[in-house]
Amino acid sequence: MAKLPNEVQNTIFSLLQQLANQIEEASATEWTILERYGETTETIPELDELQNVREKLTERYNGLNKLLLRILEIQPRPPEDMVNLLVKTIERGQATIDSAQASILEVKKNWSL
C-alpha cells in the first residue's frame, strides 16, 4: 500500500465527510420542500437545483474515494501524475462543497427553511 502522509489522509477523510454531509443536507432540504410545498411549478426549479447539487457532490465523493483506493494499492509509491490528480481532485471537491453550501443556503432562504 502506498503510504500517504497523515496530513493528506486527514484532508481526504475530512473532505469525504464534508461531501457526505452536504449530500445529506441537500437531500434533507429537498425532502422538506416536497413535504411542505409539494412538487409545483414554483418548487420544481429549486428541487432540480438540489438534485444537481447532490449529483455533483456524489460525483466528487465517488471520484475522490476511487482515486484514493487506487493510490493506496500502488507500490512502492504512486506516480507523480496520480499525486497531481489527487491534489486537483481535492481542490475540485472543496470548490464543489463551497458552491453546494451556497446553493443549499439560497434555496433554504427562498423557502424560509
N, C-alpha and C. Protein backbone atom coordinates (compact mmCIF):
# COMPACT_ATOMS: atom_id res chain seq x y z
N MET A 1 0.84 -1.17 0.00
CA MET A 1 0.00 0.00 0.00
C MET A 1 0.89 1.24 0.00
N ALA A 2 0.56 2.18 -0.85
CA ALA A 2 1.30 3.43 -0.89
C ALA A 2 0.96 4.22 0.37
N LYS A 3 1.96 4.68 1.03
CA LYS A 3 1.75 5.43 2.28
C LYS A 3 1.62 6.91 1.97
N LEU A 4 0.44 7.42 2.23
CA LEU A 4 0.21 8.85 2.10
C LEU A 4 0.50 9.50 3.44
N PRO A 5 1.06 10.69 3.43
CA PRO A 5 1.29 11.39 4.70
C PRO A 5 -0.03 11.55 5.47
N ASN A 6 0.05 11.51 6.78
CA ASN A 6 -1.14 11.64 7.63
C ASN A 6 -1.92 12.90 7.32
N GLU A 7 -1.22 13.98 7.04
CA GLU A 7 -1.90 15.24 6.74
C GLU A 7 -2.77 15.11 5.49
N VAL A 8 -2.24 14.43 4.48
CA VAL A 8 -3.00 14.22 3.24
C VAL A 8 -4.20 13.31 3.51
N GLN A 9 -3.97 12.24 4.26
CA GLN A 9 -5.07 11.34 4.61
C GLN A 9 -6.16 12.09 5.38
N ASN A 10 -5.76 12.89 6.34
CA ASN A 10 -6.73 13.66 7.13
C ASN A 10 -7.53 14.62 6.24
N THR A 11 -6.84 15.24 5.30
CA THR A 11 -7.52 16.15 4.37
C THR A 11 -8.55 15.39 3.54
N ILE A 12 -8.16 14.24 3.04
CA ILE A 12 -9.07 13.43 2.21
C ILE A 12 -10.28 12.98 3.02
N PHE A 13 -10.04 12.44 4.20
CA PHE A 13 -11.15 11.94 5.01
C PHE A 13 -12.07 13.07 5.47
N SER A 14 -11.50 14.21 5.76
CA SER A 14 -12.31 15.37 6.12
C SER A 14 -13.16 15.81 4.94
N LEU A 15 -12.56 15.83 3.77
CA LEU A 15 -13.29 16.23 2.56
C LEU A 15 -14.41 15.24 2.26
N LEU A 16 -14.14 13.95 2.38
CA LEU A 16 -15.18 12.94 2.17
C LEU A 16 -16.33 13.15 3.15
N GLN A 17 -16.01 13.45 4.40
CA GLN A 17 -17.05 13.69 5.40
C GLN A 17 -17.86 14.94 5.04
N GLN A 18 -17.19 16.00 4.62
CA GLN A 18 -17.89 17.22 4.24
C GLN A 18 -18.79 16.99 3.03
N LEU A 19 -18.29 16.23 2.06
CA LEU A 19 -19.11 15.91 0.89
C LEU A 19 -20.34 15.12 1.31
N ALA A 20 -20.15 14.13 2.16
CA ALA A 20 -21.28 13.32 2.65
C ALA A 20 -22.28 14.20 3.40
N ASN A 21 -21.80 15.10 4.22
CA ASN A 21 -22.69 15.99 4.97
C ASN A 21 -23.51 16.88 4.04
N GLN A 22 -22.88 17.37 2.98
CA GLN A 22 -23.59 18.23 2.04
C GLN A 22 -24.59 17.44 1.21
N ILE A 23 -24.27 16.19 0.88
CA ILE A 23 -25.23 15.33 0.18
C ILE A 23 -26.46 15.16 1.05
N GLU A 24 -26.24 14.89 2.32
CA GLU A 24 -27.36 14.72 3.25
C GLU A 24 -28.16 16.01 3.40
N GLU A 25 -27.47 17.13 3.48
CA GLU A 25 -28.14 18.43 3.63
C GLU A 25 -29.00 18.76 2.41
N ALA A 26 -28.48 18.51 1.24
CA ALA A 26 -29.26 18.75 0.01
C ALA A 26 -30.47 17.84 -0.03
N SER A 27 -30.29 16.57 0.35
CA SER A 27 -31.41 15.62 0.36
C SER A 27 -32.46 16.04 1.38
N ALA A 28 -32.04 16.43 2.55
CA ALA A 28 -32.97 16.85 3.60
C ALA A 28 -33.75 18.09 3.18
N THR A 29 -33.05 19.02 2.55
CA THR A 29 -33.71 20.25 2.09
C THR A 29 -34.74 19.93 1.01
N GLU A 30 -34.36 19.07 0.08
CA GLU A 30 -35.28 18.65 -0.97
C GLU A 30 -36.52 17.98 -0.37
N TRP A 31 -36.32 17.09 0.58
CA TRP A 31 -37.42 16.39 1.22
C TRP A 31 -38.34 17.37 1.94
N THR A 32 -37.76 18.34 2.65
CA THR A 32 -38.56 19.32 3.38
C THR A 32 -39.43 20.13 2.44
N ILE A 33 -38.86 20.56 1.33
CA ILE A 33 -39.65 21.32 0.35
C ILE A 33 -40.79 20.47 -0.20
N LEU A 34 -40.49 19.23 -0.53
CA LEU A 34 -41.53 18.34 -1.04
C LEU A 34 -42.63 18.12 -0.02
N GLU A 35 -42.25 17.91 1.23
CA GLU A 35 -43.23 17.67 2.29
C GLU A 35 -44.10 18.90 2.55
N ARG A 36 -43.48 20.06 2.58
CA ARG A 36 -44.23 21.28 2.92
C ARG A 36 -45.02 21.85 1.75
N TYR A 37 -44.41 21.84 0.54
CA TYR A 37 -45.00 22.57 -0.58
C TYR A 37 -45.38 21.69 -1.76
N GLY A 38 -44.89 20.45 -1.78
CA GLY A 38 -45.19 19.57 -2.89
C GLY A 38 -44.36 19.90 -4.12
N GLU A 39 -44.64 19.19 -5.18
CA GLU A 39 -43.93 19.42 -6.45
C GLU A 39 -44.82 20.30 -7.32
N THR A 40 -44.50 21.58 -7.35
CA THR A 40 -45.30 22.55 -8.08
C THR A 40 -44.40 23.31 -9.06
N THR A 41 -45.02 24.13 -9.87
CA THR A 41 -44.21 24.92 -10.81
C THR A 41 -43.26 25.85 -10.08
N GLU A 42 -43.61 26.24 -8.85
CA GLU A 42 -42.73 27.11 -8.07
C GLU A 42 -41.57 26.34 -7.44
N THR A 43 -41.82 25.10 -7.05
CA THR A 43 -40.77 24.34 -6.36
C THR A 43 -39.87 23.54 -7.29
N ILE A 44 -40.35 23.21 -8.47
CA ILE A 44 -39.56 22.36 -9.38
C ILE A 44 -38.17 22.92 -9.67
N PRO A 45 -38.00 24.22 -9.97
CA PRO A 45 -36.63 24.71 -10.22
C PRO A 45 -35.70 24.52 -9.01
N GLU A 46 -36.23 24.73 -7.82
CA GLU A 46 -35.42 24.56 -6.61
C GLU A 46 -35.10 23.08 -6.37
N LEU A 47 -36.08 22.23 -6.60
CA LEU A 47 -35.86 20.80 -6.44
C LEU A 47 -34.82 20.29 -7.46
N ASP A 48 -34.91 20.79 -8.67
CA ASP A 48 -33.92 20.44 -9.70
C ASP A 48 -32.53 20.90 -9.29
N GLU A 49 -32.45 22.10 -8.74
CA GLU A 49 -31.16 22.64 -8.29
C GLU A 49 -30.57 21.75 -7.20
N LEU A 50 -31.38 21.35 -6.25
CA LEU A 50 -30.91 20.48 -5.17
C LEU A 50 -30.48 19.12 -5.70
N GLN A 51 -31.20 18.60 -6.66
CA GLN A 51 -30.81 17.33 -7.26
C GLN A 51 -29.47 17.46 -7.99
N ASN A 52 -29.28 18.55 -8.71
CA ASN A 52 -28.00 18.80 -9.39
C ASN A 52 -26.86 18.93 -8.38
N VAL A 53 -27.12 19.60 -7.29
CA VAL A 53 -26.12 19.74 -6.23
C VAL A 53 -25.73 18.37 -5.69
N ARG A 54 -26.73 17.55 -5.40
CA ARG A 54 -26.45 16.20 -4.88
C ARG A 54 -25.64 15.38 -5.88
N GLU A 55 -25.98 15.48 -7.15
CA GLU A 55 -25.27 14.72 -8.18
C GLU A 55 -23.81 15.15 -8.27
N LYS A 56 -23.55 16.45 -8.22
CA LYS A 56 -22.17 16.94 -8.26
C LYS A 56 -21.38 16.49 -7.04
N LEU A 57 -22.01 16.60 -5.88
CA LEU A 57 -21.36 16.17 -4.65
C LEU A 57 -21.06 14.67 -4.67
N THR A 58 -22.01 13.90 -5.13
CA THR A 58 -21.84 12.44 -5.21
C THR A 58 -20.73 12.09 -6.18
N GLU A 59 -20.69 12.78 -7.30
CA GLU A 59 -19.63 12.56 -8.28
C GLU A 59 -18.26 12.83 -7.68
N ARG A 60 -18.13 13.92 -6.95
CA ARG A 60 -16.85 14.26 -6.31
C ARG A 60 -16.49 13.24 -5.23
N TYR A 61 -17.49 12.83 -4.45
CA TYR A 61 -17.25 11.85 -3.39
C TYR A 61 -16.74 10.54 -4.00
N ASN A 62 -17.46 10.04 -4.99
CA ASN A 62 -17.07 8.78 -5.62
C ASN A 62 -15.70 8.87 -6.30
N GLY A 63 -15.46 9.99 -6.99
CA GLY A 63 -14.18 10.16 -7.67
C GLY A 63 -13.01 10.19 -6.70
N LEU A 64 -13.15 10.92 -5.62
CA LEU A 64 -12.09 11.00 -4.62
C LEU A 64 -11.86 9.65 -3.96
N ASN A 65 -12.92 8.98 -3.63
CA ASN A 65 -12.82 7.68 -2.97
C ASN A 65 -12.12 6.66 -3.89
N LYS A 66 -12.51 6.61 -5.15
CA LYS A 66 -11.90 5.68 -6.10
C LYS A 66 -10.42 5.99 -6.31
N LEU A 67 -10.10 7.26 -6.44
CA LEU A 67 -8.70 7.65 -6.63
C LEU A 67 -7.87 7.29 -5.41
N LEU A 68 -8.40 7.54 -4.23
CA LEU A 68 -7.69 7.18 -3.00
C LEU A 68 -7.41 5.68 -2.97
N LEU A 69 -8.41 4.87 -3.28
CA LEU A 69 -8.21 3.43 -3.27
C LEU A 69 -7.14 3.00 -4.28
N ARG A 70 -7.16 3.59 -5.45
CA ARG A 70 -6.13 3.28 -6.45
C ARG A 70 -4.74 3.60 -5.96
N ILE A 71 -4.61 4.78 -5.37
CA ILE A 71 -3.30 5.23 -4.88
C ILE A 71 -2.81 4.30 -3.77
N LEU A 72 -3.70 3.88 -2.90
CA LEU A 72 -3.31 3.01 -1.79
C LEU A 72 -2.82 1.64 -2.26
N GLU A 73 -3.26 1.22 -3.43
CA GLU A 73 -2.86 -0.09 -3.95
C GLU A 73 -1.53 -0.07 -4.71
N ILE A 74 -1.06 1.10 -5.05
CA ILE A 74 0.17 1.22 -5.85
C ILE A 74 1.39 1.08 -4.95
N GLN A 75 2.36 0.33 -5.45
CA GLN A 75 3.62 0.12 -4.71
C GLN A 75 4.80 0.54 -5.56
N PRO A 76 5.87 1.02 -5.06
CA PRO A 76 6.01 1.41 -3.66
C PRO A 76 5.41 2.78 -3.39
N ARG A 77 5.23 3.57 -4.43
CA ARG A 77 4.55 4.86 -4.26
C ARG A 77 3.88 5.25 -5.57
N PRO A 78 2.87 6.08 -5.47
CA PRO A 78 2.11 6.43 -6.68
C PRO A 78 2.92 7.33 -7.61
N PRO A 79 2.66 7.22 -8.91
CA PRO A 79 3.33 8.12 -9.85
C PRO A 79 2.93 9.58 -9.59
N GLU A 80 3.81 10.46 -9.97
CA GLU A 80 3.57 11.89 -9.71
C GLU A 80 2.29 12.38 -10.36
N ASP A 81 1.94 11.87 -11.54
CA ASP A 81 0.72 12.33 -12.18
C ASP A 81 -0.53 11.95 -11.37
N MET A 82 -0.47 10.82 -10.67
CA MET A 82 -1.60 10.46 -9.80
C MET A 82 -1.66 11.35 -8.58
N VAL A 83 -0.51 11.70 -8.05
CA VAL A 83 -0.48 12.62 -6.91
C VAL A 83 -1.02 13.98 -7.33
N ASN A 84 -0.63 14.44 -8.51
CA ASN A 84 -1.15 15.71 -9.02
C ASN A 84 -2.66 15.64 -9.23
N LEU A 85 -3.13 14.50 -9.73
CA LEU A 85 -4.57 14.32 -9.91
C LEU A 85 -5.28 14.34 -8.55
N LEU A 86 -4.66 13.75 -7.55
CA LEU A 86 -5.24 13.77 -6.21
C LEU A 86 -5.36 15.20 -5.69
N VAL A 87 -4.33 15.99 -5.88
CA VAL A 87 -4.36 17.40 -5.44
C VAL A 87 -5.49 18.14 -6.15
N LYS A 88 -5.61 17.96 -7.46
CA LYS A 88 -6.67 18.64 -8.22
C LYS A 88 -8.05 18.14 -7.79
N THR A 89 -8.16 16.86 -7.51
CA THR A 89 -9.44 16.29 -7.08
C THR A 89 -9.84 16.86 -5.72
N ILE A 90 -8.88 17.04 -4.84
CA ILE A 90 -9.16 17.65 -3.53
C ILE A 90 -9.63 19.09 -3.72
N GLU A 91 -8.94 19.83 -4.58
CA GLU A 91 -9.31 21.23 -4.84
C GLU A 91 -10.72 21.32 -5.43
N ARG A 92 -11.02 20.45 -6.40
CA ARG A 92 -12.35 20.46 -7.01
C ARG A 92 -13.42 20.06 -6.00
N GLY A 93 -13.09 19.12 -5.14
CA GLY A 93 -14.03 18.71 -4.11
C GLY A 93 -14.37 19.85 -3.17
N GLN A 94 -13.36 20.60 -2.75
CA GLN A 94 -13.60 21.73 -1.87
C GLN A 94 -14.41 22.81 -2.56
N ALA A 95 -14.11 23.06 -3.83
CA ALA A 95 -14.88 24.05 -4.58
C ALA A 95 -16.34 23.61 -4.73
N THR A 96 -16.55 22.33 -4.94
CA THR A 96 -17.91 21.81 -5.05
C THR A 96 -18.66 21.97 -3.74
N ILE A 97 -17.98 21.70 -2.64
CA ILE A 97 -18.62 21.88 -1.32
C ILE A 97 -19.02 23.34 -1.13
N ASP A 98 -18.11 24.25 -1.46
CA ASP A 98 -18.40 25.67 -1.29
C ASP A 98 -19.61 26.10 -2.12
N SER A 99 -19.66 25.68 -3.39
CA SER A 99 -20.78 26.08 -4.24
C SER A 99 -22.07 25.38 -3.80
N ALA A 100 -21.96 24.13 -3.33
CA ALA A 100 -23.14 23.40 -2.84
C ALA A 100 -23.72 24.09 -1.62
N GLN A 101 -22.86 24.49 -0.69
CA GLN A 101 -23.34 25.19 0.50
C GLN A 101 -24.08 26.46 0.13
N ALA A 102 -23.52 27.20 -0.82
CA ALA A 102 -24.17 28.44 -1.24
C ALA A 102 -25.53 28.16 -1.88
N SER A 103 -25.60 27.15 -2.72
CA SER A 103 -26.86 26.80 -3.38
C SER A 103 -27.91 26.35 -2.37
N ILE A 104 -27.51 25.50 -1.45
CA ILE A 104 -28.45 25.00 -0.44
C ILE A 104 -28.94 26.14 0.43
N LEU A 105 -28.04 27.01 0.85
CA LEU A 105 -28.45 28.15 1.68
C LEU A 105 -29.41 29.07 0.93
N GLU A 106 -29.17 29.26 -0.35
CA GLU A 106 -30.04 30.11 -1.15
C GLU A 106 -31.44 29.50 -1.25
N VAL A 107 -31.51 28.21 -1.50
CA VAL A 107 -32.81 27.53 -1.57
C VAL A 107 -33.52 27.63 -0.22
N LYS A 108 -32.80 27.39 0.86
CA LYS A 108 -33.41 27.48 2.19
C LYS A 108 -33.93 28.89 2.46
N LYS A 109 -33.16 29.87 2.06
CA LYS A 109 -33.57 31.26 2.25
C LYS A 109 -34.84 31.56 1.44
N ASN A 110 -34.85 31.10 0.18
CA ASN A 110 -36.00 31.34 -0.69
C ASN A 110 -37.29 30.74 -0.13
N TRP A 111 -37.17 29.64 0.60
CA TRP A 111 -38.35 28.95 1.13
C TRP A 111 -38.46 29.08 2.65
N SER A 112 -37.69 29.98 3.22
CA SER A 112 -37.73 30.24 4.67
C SER A 112 -37.61 28.96 5.49
N LEU A 113 -36.63 28.16 5.14
CA LEU A 113 -36.40 26.89 5.85
C LEU A 113 -35.34 27.06 6.91
